[in-house]
Amino acid sequence: MLDQTLIQELKNRGLISQITDELNLVKLLFNKKISIYCGFDITADSLHIGHILPLLCLKRFYCAGHKPVVLIGGATSLIGDPSFKSTERKLNTSELICSWKNKIINQLSLFLEFDANNRNCVIVDNFDWFKNINIIMFLRDIGKYFSINKMIVRDAVQNRINRLDCGISFTEFSYNLLQAYDFAILNKNLGVVLQIGGSDQWGNITSGIELTRKLYKRKVFGMTLPLLTKKDGIKFGKTESDTIWLDGKKTTPYKFYQYWLNIPDSDLYTFLKMFTFLSLSEIEEMKYDSVLVGINKHKKILADFLTGLIHGQKELEAVKRITINLFSGKLCDMKESDFIQLEKDGIPSVKVDFSKNLQQILVDSQLALSRINAKNMIVSNSIRINHVVQNNPFYCFCINDRIFNKYTLLSRGKKHFCLLHWV
């Protein structure tokens, strides 16, 4: 990708929400290779899919010859960013954050190549410069550049101040100063001239731009990516109870794969532009051909790419095998590890014993509302055991129903499954 077309390419892919001084940034990218940074606070032991977009954006800059700098927020993670949060974040201990750090770095390495000589990409931790800062000197030398009048009207602050049930602590209020200082330090030490982040980071980014100008008389730039949210306004890939993690132990590769297969049809071609490196002309051609080949084929392209990127080709082949066998009826081709994935978070599962017949287990598995409802579904050929129709309303399970001596797949119709785990 030519430098002079990079910003336009990002625009065409819908990857730019806001940008400062676009004309001069385009000129800068045309004339030289730059260092660009994005920060990631350590708020859990894994990244989630909401982090994929900025990391892929860093990779796009890397592919164009620029140098990404990834900031790990060892210090800012102790404070908590109030942006887009309705309540104050839980404050984690420094020991816990430190224990999560290497896991996060390993996940970052799925997207970018880091080496000891910092030739390709750089990882830094803002705890390295904040740990020895004197609070009095910081407030005097840095705090003087921040206007409370400007800080208090920021959306992140106003959204919390206007809530009757909770406000905003001084701890979170001060986060803006810390992230702004990060930008200034990275500009001074590593020559970083561009920061990217989600659109909820605009206030923090512009504060860093201003602070760098005031401290070092240098011009730097900021760019935000769209903050993807669901219809209920919750961040993309995350809910209060069911985050889609990148760690395969927290969210199985199968569930990760299914997430992308089940995105709304209206989002597919937008996501292909944002999350893949397919050319825009290829995506437009796919969109044109969707009537002929079906939109689900193109969803598989998206799911294949992202699952392979995060979990590797071996796991991708496993989840594709599970998906095909689960819906095609060839359970004999599935491995025991496939059933373990399904039991963890692939489909609903329930522990059962042989004291209950099919009717009761349908109720226990919530595939039926009552035994009468279960009986009606059985006699109407709606119930399958390991993909084989069972129409005996008084059927009792036997040893031959168990796969790997542990599992039985119970289904209602074509889409409603429950995995029985025999105890």
Protein backbone atom coordinates (compact mmCIF):
# COMPACT_ATOMS: atom_id res chain seq x y z
CA MET A 1 0.00 0.00 0.00
CA LEU A 2 1.45 3.38 -0.99
CA ASP A 3 1.86 5.86 1.87
CA GLN A 4 -0.09 8.56 0.12
CA THR A 5 -3.13 6.30 -0.15
CA LEU A 6 -3.06 4.84 3.36
CA ILE A 7 -5.42 7.35 4.98
CA GLN A 8 -7.79 7.13 2.02
CA GLU A 9 -7.69 3.33 2.24
CA LEU A 10 -8.59 3.50 5.93
CA LYS A 11 -11.43 5.88 5.12
CA ASN A 12 -12.75 3.62 2.39
CA ARG A 13 -12.79 0.75 4.84
CA GLY A 14 -14.74 2.80 7.38
CA LEU A 15 -11.85 2.74 9.83
CA ILE A 16 -11.60 6.46 10.61
CA SER A 17 -14.02 8.12 12.98
CA GLN A 18 -12.05 11.30 13.73
CA ILE A 19 -8.67 12.62 12.66
CA THR A 20 -6.63 15.72 13.49
CA ASP A 21 -5.11 17.89 10.76
CA GLU A 22 -5.62 15.28 8.07
CA LEU A 23 -3.90 17.24 5.31
CA ASN A 24 -0.60 17.55 7.17
CA LEU A 25 -0.77 13.96 8.38
CA VAL A 26 -1.17 12.74 4.80
CA LYS A 27 1.83 14.87 3.77
CA LEU A 28 3.87 13.43 6.64
CA LEU A 29 3.01 9.85 5.69
CA PHE A 30 3.95 10.60 2.09
CA ASN A 31 7.38 11.96 3.01
CA LYS A 32 8.55 9.59 5.76
CA LYS A 33 7.93 6.50 7.81
CA ILE A 34 6.50 7.29 11.23
CA SER A 35 6.04 5.69 14.63
CA ILE A 36 2.41 5.19 15.65
CA TYR A 37 1.07 4.02 18.98
CA CYS A 38 -2.02 2.55 20.57
CA GLY A 39 -2.47 1.79 24.27
CA PHE A 40 -4.07 -1.22 25.93
CA ASP A 41 -4.87 -1.26 29.63
CA ILE A 42 -4.61 -4.57 31.47
CA THR A 43 -8.13 -4.93 32.84
CA ALA A 44 -8.32 -8.73 32.57
CA ASP A 45 -6.10 -11.72 31.81
CA SER A 46 -7.14 -11.62 28.15
CA LEU A 47 -7.98 -9.21 25.39
CA HIS A 48 -11.44 -9.49 23.83
CA ILE A 49 -12.68 -9.03 20.28
CA GLY A 50 -13.22 -5.32 20.81
CA HIS A 51 -9.40 -5.02 20.73
CA ILE A 52 -9.04 -6.65 17.31
CA LEU A 53 -9.86 -3.56 15.24
CA PRO A 54 -7.13 -1.23 16.62
CA LEU A 55 -4.57 -4.05 16.45
CA LEU A 56 -5.40 -4.73 12.81
CA CYS A 57 -5.15 -1.01 12.16
CA LEU A 58 -1.63 -1.00 13.63
CA LYS A 59 -0.84 -3.92 11.34
CA ARG A 60 -2.06 -1.95 8.32
CA PHE A 61 0.40 0.83 9.20
CA TYR A 62 3.12 -1.78 9.72
CA CYS A 63 2.44 -3.30 6.29
CA ALA A 64 2.82 0.20 4.84
CA GLY A 65 6.31 0.46 6.38
CA HIS A 66 5.54 2.39 9.56
CA LYS A 67 6.57 1.38 13.09
CA PRO A 68 3.87 0.45 15.62
CA VAL A 69 4.45 1.08 19.30
CA VAL A 70 2.12 -0.84 21.59
CA LEU A 71 1.71 0.61 25.06
CA ILE A 72 0.78 -1.71 27.91
CA GLY A 73 -0.93 0.33 30.62
CA GLY A 74 0.73 -1.12 33.68
CA ALA A 75 0.19 2.22 35.45
CA THR A 76 -3.07 3.43 33.90
CA SER A 77 -4.61 0.01 34.55
CA LEU A 78 -4.31 0.81 38.25
CA ILE A 79 -6.49 3.91 37.73
CA GLY A 80 -9.14 2.91 35.20
CA ASP A 81 -10.38 4.85 32.20
CA PRO A 82 -13.91 6.24 32.72
CA SER A 83 -14.55 6.46 28.97
CA PHE A 84 -17.75 4.66 27.97
CA LYS A 85 -18.18 3.26 31.49
CA SER A 86 -21.41 3.86 33.39
CA THR A 87 -19.82 2.97 36.74
CA GLU A 88 -16.32 3.04 38.18
CA ARG A 89 -14.08 0.16 37.19
CA LYS A 90 -12.98 -2.36 39.76
CA LEU A 91 -9.50 -1.44 40.97
CA ASN A 92 -7.12 -4.39 40.57
CA THR A 93 -3.89 -4.83 42.52
CA SER A 94 -0.51 -4.23 40.90
CA GLU A 95 0.37 -7.89 41.54
CA LEU A 96 -2.70 -9.09 39.65
CA ILE A 97 -2.09 -6.73 36.74
CA CYS A 98 1.54 -7.87 36.58
CA SER A 99 0.42 -11.52 36.45
CA TRP A 100 -1.81 -10.74 33.47
CA LYS A 101 0.80 -8.78 31.54
CA ASN A 102 2.61 -11.66 29.77
CA LYS A 103 -0.70 -13.20 28.69
CA ILE A 104 -1.68 -9.92 27.05
CA ILE A 105 1.71 -9.59 25.35
CA ASN A 106 1.36 -13.11 23.92
CA GLN A 107 -1.97 -12.14 22.40
CA LEU A 108 -0.56 -8.91 20.98
CA SER A 109 2.08 -11.02 19.27
CA LEU A 110 -0.66 -12.66 17.20
CA PHE A 111 -0.97 -9.39 15.30
CA LEU A 112 2.51 -7.86 15.32
CA GLU A 113 6.07 -9.15 15.39
CA PHE A 114 8.05 -7.92 18.38
CA ASP A 115 11.78 -8.48 18.74
CA ALA A 116 14.45 -7.64 21.28
CA ASN A 117 16.05 -5.02 19.01
CA ASN A 118 12.78 -3.13 18.43
CA ARG A 119 13.36 -3.16 14.70
CA ASN A 120 9.81 -4.07 13.76
CA CYS A 121 7.41 -3.18 16.54
CA VAL A 122 7.88 -1.99 20.11
CA ILE A 123 6.10 -2.84 23.36
CA VAL A 124 6.40 -0.40 26.26
CA ASP A 125 4.80 -0.26 29.71
CA ASN A 126 3.83 3.14 31.11
CA PHE A 127 4.52 1.86 34.62
CA ASP A 128 8.20 2.23 33.73
CA TRP A 129 7.96 6.03 33.73
CA PHE A 130 5.14 6.54 36.20
CA LYS A 131 6.56 4.37 39.00
CA ASN A 132 9.20 6.93 40.01
CA ILE A 133 7.23 10.13 39.41
CA ASN A 134 6.94 12.54 42.31
CA ILE A 135 3.26 13.47 42.72
CA ILE A 136 4.02 17.08 43.67
CA MET A 137 6.27 17.60 40.65
CA PHE A 138 3.75 15.91 38.35
CA LEU A 139 0.89 18.12 39.51
CA ARG A 140 3.06 21.22 39.24
CA ASP A 141 4.81 20.50 35.94
CA ILE A 142 2.07 18.60 34.09
CA GLY A 143 -1.18 19.42 35.86
CA LYS A 144 -0.76 23.12 35.17
CA TYR A 145 -1.38 22.49 31.48
CA PHE A 146 -4.85 21.02 32.06
CA SER A 147 -7.95 23.17 32.39
CA ILE A 148 -10.62 21.80 34.72
CA ASN A 149 -13.14 23.78 32.67
CA LYS A 150 -12.24 21.74 29.56
CA MET A 151 -11.90 18.43 31.36
CA ILE A 152 -15.27 18.61 33.07
CA VAL A 153 -17.22 19.07 29.82
CA ARG A 154 -15.77 15.92 28.22
CA ASP A 155 -18.42 13.31 27.42
CA ALA A 156 -16.78 10.67 29.62
CA VAL A 157 -17.02 12.99 32.62
CA GLN A 158 -20.43 14.47 31.84
CA ASN A 159 -22.01 11.05 31.38
CA ARG A 160 -21.00 10.16 34.92
CA ILE A 161 -21.67 13.50 36.59
CA ASN A 162 -25.22 13.56 35.24
CA ARG A 163 -26.04 10.12 36.66
CA LEU A 164 -27.96 10.22 39.94
CA ASP A 165 -26.78 6.78 41.10
CA CYS A 166 -23.04 7.35 40.70
CA GLY A 167 -20.57 10.09 39.98
CA ILE A 168 -16.91 10.02 39.03
CA SER A 169 -14.03 9.75 41.46
CA PHE A 170 -10.94 11.95 41.32
CA THR A 171 -9.02 8.74 40.55
CA GLU A 172 -10.83 8.27 37.25
CA PHE A 173 -10.98 12.02 36.60
CA SER A 174 -7.16 12.08 36.62
CA TYR A 175 -6.88 9.36 33.96
CA ASN A 176 -6.90 11.98 31.21
CA LEU A 177 -3.64 13.47 32.51
CA LEU A 178 -1.91 10.11 32.58
CA GLN A 179 -2.79 9.09 29.02
CA ALA A 180 -1.88 12.53 27.73
CA TYR A 181 1.51 12.23 29.43
CA ASP A 182 2.02 8.85 27.78
CA PHE A 183 1.77 10.46 24.34
CA ALA A 184 4.23 13.19 25.28
CA ILE A 185 6.74 10.69 26.69
CA LEU A 186 6.49 8.41 23.66
CA ASN A 187 7.02 11.38 21.37
CA LYS A 188 10.07 12.47 23.35
CA ASN A 189 11.66 9.04 23.73
CA LEU A 190 10.58 7.14 20.62
CA GLY A 191 9.54 9.84 18.17
CA VAL A 192 5.89 8.73 18.11
CA VAL A 193 3.82 11.23 16.11
CA LEU A 194 0.44 9.50 15.80
CA GLN A 195 -1.86 7.92 18.38
CA ILE A 196 -4.86 5.79 17.46
CA GLY A 197 -7.68 4.46 19.60
CA GLY A 198 -11.41 3.91 19.76
CA SER A 199 -13.66 6.91 19.30
CA ASP A 200 -14.22 7.00 23.07
CA GLN A 201 -10.53 7.96 23.37
CA TRP A 202 -10.80 11.21 21.41
CA GLY A 203 -10.61 13.43 24.50
CA ASN A 204 -7.58 11.58 25.87
CA ILE A 205 -5.83 11.67 22.49
CA THR A 206 -6.38 15.37 21.89
CA SER A 207 -5.18 16.10 25.44
CA GLY A 208 -1.95 14.27 24.59
CA ILE A 209 -1.58 16.28 21.41
CA GLU A 210 -1.95 19.54 23.34
CA LEU A 211 0.41 18.45 26.12
CA THR A 212 3.11 17.41 23.63
CA ARG A 213 2.83 20.79 21.92
CA LYS A 214 3.08 22.69 25.18
CA LEU A 215 5.91 20.61 26.65
CA TYR A 216 8.11 20.05 23.60
CA LYS A 217 6.77 22.43 20.93
CA ARG A 218 6.19 19.44 18.63
CA LYS A 219 3.26 18.68 16.37
CA VAL A 220 1.68 15.25 16.73
CA PHE A 221 -1.54 13.74 15.41
CA GLY A 222 -4.49 11.67 16.55
CA MET A 223 -6.93 9.34 14.86
CA THR A 224 -9.84 7.35 16.23
CA LEU A 225 -11.54 4.23 14.94
CA PRO A 226 -15.29 3.65 15.13
CA LEU A 227 -16.32 2.24 18.49
CA LEU A 228 -18.52 -0.62 17.34
CA THR A 229 -21.53 -1.22 19.55
CA LYS A 230 -24.55 -3.48 19.46
CA LYS A 231 -28.13 -2.23 19.24
CA ASP A 232 -28.32 -1.94 23.04
CA GLY A 233 -25.31 0.40 23.03
CA ILE A 234 -22.98 -2.11 24.70
CA LYS A 235 -19.46 -2.32 23.30
CA PHE A 236 -18.98 -4.71 20.40
CA GLY A 237 -17.99 -8.19 21.51
CA LYS A 238 -18.72 -7.50 25.16
CA THR A 239 -21.70 -7.65 27.46
CA GLU A 240 -21.99 -7.45 31.19
CA SER A 241 -21.93 -11.24 31.43
CA ASP A 242 -20.67 -12.72 28.17
CA THR A 243 -17.50 -11.23 26.73
CA ILE A 244 -15.99 -12.87 23.66
CA TRP A 245 -12.37 -13.32 24.79
CA LEU A 246 -9.31 -14.05 22.66
CA ASP A 247 -8.11 -16.61 25.20
CA GLY A 248 -9.33 -20.03 24.04
CA LYS A 249 -9.68 -21.16 27.65
CA LYS A 250 -12.12 -18.34 28.40
CA THR A 251 -14.03 -18.47 25.11
CA THR A 252 -13.59 -21.66 23.13
CA PRO A 253 -12.48 -21.39 19.49
CA TYR A 254 -15.84 -22.91 18.53
CA LYS A 255 -17.83 -20.16 20.26
CA PHE A 256 -15.46 -17.53 18.83
CA TYR A 257 -16.07 -18.94 15.33
CA GLN A 258 -19.82 -19.08 15.83
CA TYR A 259 -19.87 -15.45 16.97
CA TRP A 260 -18.68 -14.34 13.55
CA LEU A 261 -20.95 -16.75 11.70
CA ASN A 262 -23.94 -15.26 13.50
CA ILE A 263 -23.30 -11.55 13.03
CA PRO A 264 -26.25 -9.65 11.48
CA ASP A 265 -26.32 -9.88 7.69
CA SER A 266 -26.31 -6.08 7.52
CA ASP A 267 -22.86 -5.97 9.22
CA LEU A 268 -21.07 -8.56 7.10
CA TYR A 269 -19.58 -6.51 4.27
CA THR A 270 -18.73 -3.65 6.63
CA PHE A 271 -16.87 -6.14 8.83
CA LEU A 272 -15.10 -7.70 5.86
CA LYS A 273 -13.73 -4.25 5.03
CA MET A 274 -12.70 -3.55 8.61
CA PHE A 275 -11.44 -6.91 9.83
CA THR A 276 -9.84 -8.52 6.77
CA PHE A 277 -7.16 -7.63 4.28
CA LEU A 278 -9.29 -8.53 1.28
CA SER A 279 -9.20 -5.77 -1.30
CA LEU A 280 -12.17 -3.45 -1.47
CA SER A 281 -12.84 -4.58 -5.04
CA GLU A 282 -12.96 -8.22 -3.89
CA ILE A 283 -15.46 -7.35 -1.16
CA GLU A 284 -17.66 -5.40 -3.56
CA GLU A 285 -17.65 -8.37 -5.93
CA MET A 286 -18.60 -10.69 -3.06
CA LYS A 287 -21.45 -8.38 -2.15
CA TYR A 288 -22.67 -8.41 -5.74
CA ASP A 289 -22.47 -12.22 -5.89
CA SER A 290 -24.15 -12.81 -2.52
CA VAL A 291 -27.53 -13.41 -4.16
CA LEU A 292 -26.06 -16.33 -6.08
CA VAL A 293 -23.73 -17.95 -3.52
CA GLY A 294 -25.54 -16.98 -0.32
CA ILE A 295 -24.37 -14.62 2.39
CA ASN A 296 -23.40 -17.45 4.76
CA LYS A 297 -20.49 -18.41 2.52
CA HIS A 298 -19.05 -14.94 2.98
CA LYS A 299 -19.63 -15.08 6.74
CA LYS A 300 -17.46 -18.20 6.76
CA ILE A 301 -14.66 -16.24 5.06
CA LEU A 302 -14.77 -13.69 7.88
CA ALA A 303 -15.01 -16.37 10.59
CA ASP A 304 -12.21 -18.43 9.02
CA PHE A 305 -9.83 -15.47 8.81
CA LEU A 306 -10.35 -14.21 12.35
CA THR A 307 -10.42 -17.64 14.00
CA GLY A 308 -7.26 -18.66 12.15
CA LEU A 309 -5.57 -15.41 13.17
CA ILE A 310 -6.42 -15.72 16.87
CA HIS A 311 -6.44 -19.49 17.42
CA GLY A 312 -4.30 -20.86 14.59
CA GLN A 313 -5.05 -23.16 11.68
CA LYS A 314 -5.23 -26.33 13.78
CA GLU A 315 -8.00 -24.95 15.97
CA LEU A 316 -9.73 -23.48 12.93
CA GLU A 317 -9.88 -26.92 11.32
CA ALA A 318 -11.26 -28.32 14.59
CA VAL A 319 -14.09 -25.79 14.85
CA LYS A 320 -14.97 -26.23 11.19
CA ARG A 321 -15.13 -29.98 11.77
CA ILE A 322 -17.36 -29.45 14.81
CA THR A 323 -19.63 -27.09 12.89
CA ILE A 324 -20.02 -29.40 9.90
CA ASN A 325 -20.57 -32.52 12.00
CA LEU A 326 -22.93 -30.84 14.42
CA PHE A 327 -25.27 -29.73 11.67
CA SER A 328 -24.75 -32.51 9.13
CA GLY A 329 -25.23 -35.49 11.42
CA LYS A 330 -21.75 -37.08 11.23
CA LEU A 331 -20.93 -37.24 14.92
CA CYS A 332 -18.65 -40.22 14.32
CA ASP A 333 -16.05 -37.85 12.87
CA MET A 334 -15.89 -35.71 16.02
CA LYS A 335 -13.11 -36.02 18.58
CA GLU A 336 -13.54 -36.05 22.34
CA SER A 337 -11.86 -32.63 22.49
CA ASP A 338 -14.62 -31.34 20.18
CA PHE A 339 -17.26 -32.39 22.70
CA ILE A 340 -15.26 -30.74 25.48
CA GLN A 341 -15.38 -27.46 23.53
CA LEU A 342 -19.11 -27.81 22.97
CA GLU A 343 -19.74 -28.54 26.63
CA LYS A 344 -17.74 -25.55 27.82
CA ASP A 345 -19.54 -22.83 25.90
CA GLY A 346 -20.49 -24.12 22.48
CA ILE A 347 -24.06 -25.23 23.10
CA PRO A 348 -26.21 -25.67 26.24
CA SER A 349 -25.22 -28.73 28.26
CA VAL A 350 -26.62 -30.56 31.24
CA LYS A 351 -25.37 -33.37 33.48
CA VAL A 352 -27.76 -36.34 33.54
CA ASP A 353 -28.04 -39.94 34.76
CA PHE A 354 -29.98 -43.00 33.58
CA SER A 355 -32.71 -42.63 36.19
CA LYS A 356 -34.62 -40.26 33.87
CA ASN A 357 -36.29 -41.02 30.57
CA LEU A 358 -36.29 -38.95 27.39
CA GLN A 359 -39.34 -36.87 28.35
CA GLN A 360 -37.84 -35.72 31.65
CA ILE A 361 -34.42 -35.03 30.15
CA LEU A 362 -36.03 -32.85 27.47
CA VAL A 363 -37.56 -30.81 30.30
CA ASP A 364 -34.30 -30.74 32.28
CA SER A 365 -32.41 -29.58 29.19
CA GLN A 366 -35.03 -26.87 28.56
CA LEU A 367 -35.75 -28.23 25.09
CA ALA A 368 -39.32 -28.80 26.31
CA LEU A 369 -41.50 -26.76 28.64
CA SER A 370 -43.18 -29.77 30.25
CA ARG A 371 -43.42 -33.56 29.98
CA ILE A 372 -46.62 -33.21 27.95
CA ASN A 373 -44.86 -30.78 25.63
CA ALA A 374 -41.92 -33.20 25.42
CA LYS A 375 -44.21 -36.14 24.57
CA ASN A 376 -45.89 -34.19 21.78
CA MET A 377 -42.53 -33.25 20.26
CA ILE A 378 -41.31 -36.84 20.41
CA VAL A 379 -44.32 -38.36 18.66
CA SER A 380 -44.19 -35.63 16.01
CA ASN A 381 -40.62 -36.69 15.05
CA SER A 382 -39.09 -33.41 16.28
CA ILE A 383 -36.56 -35.01 18.65
CA ARG A 384 -33.23 -36.56 17.66
CA ILE A 385 -30.69 -38.47 19.72
CA ASN A 386 -27.24 -38.21 18.14
CA HIS A 387 -29.01 -37.02 14.96
CA VAL A 388 -31.30 -40.07 14.83
CA VAL A 389 -35.05 -39.42 15.14
CA GLN A 390 -36.58 -40.92 18.27
CA ASN A 391 -40.40 -41.10 18.27
CA ASN A 392 -40.92 -43.42 21.25
CA PRO A 393 -42.43 -41.15 23.97
CA PHE A 394 -41.34 -43.61 26.68
CA TYR A 395 -37.79 -44.05 25.44
CA CYS A 396 -35.08 -44.64 28.05
CA PHE A 397 -31.45 -43.97 27.19
CA CYS A 398 -29.02 -46.87 26.89
CA ILE A 399 -25.28 -47.31 26.87
CA ASN A 400 -25.18 -47.17 23.06
CA ASP A 401 -26.41 -43.58 23.18
CA ARG A 402 -23.17 -42.45 24.82
CA ILE A 403 -20.29 -41.15 22.70
CA PHE A 404 -16.85 -41.56 24.29
CA ASN A 405 -18.87 -43.11 27.11
CA LYS A 406 -19.77 -39.56 28.21
CA TYR A 407 -21.80 -37.55 25.75
CA THR A 408 -25.12 -37.62 23.92
CA LEU A 409 -26.31 -34.94 21.53
CA LEU A 410 -30.00 -34.20 22.02
CA SER A 411 -31.71 -31.94 19.49
CA ARG A 412 -35.10 -30.41 18.74
CA GLY A 413 -35.54 -29.56 15.12
CA LYS A 414 -32.47 -28.40 13.21
CA LYS A 415 -31.13 -25.60 15.40
CA HIS A 416 -31.83 -26.39 19.05
CA PHE A 417 -29.19 -28.57 20.72
CA CYS A 418 -28.27 -29.74 24.18
CA LEU A 419 -25.23 -31.81 25.04
CA LEU A 420 -25.91 -34.46 27.67
CA HIS A 421 -23.00 -35.34 29.95
CA TRP A 422 -23.62 -38.66 31.65
CA VAL A 423 -22.58 -38.99 35.29
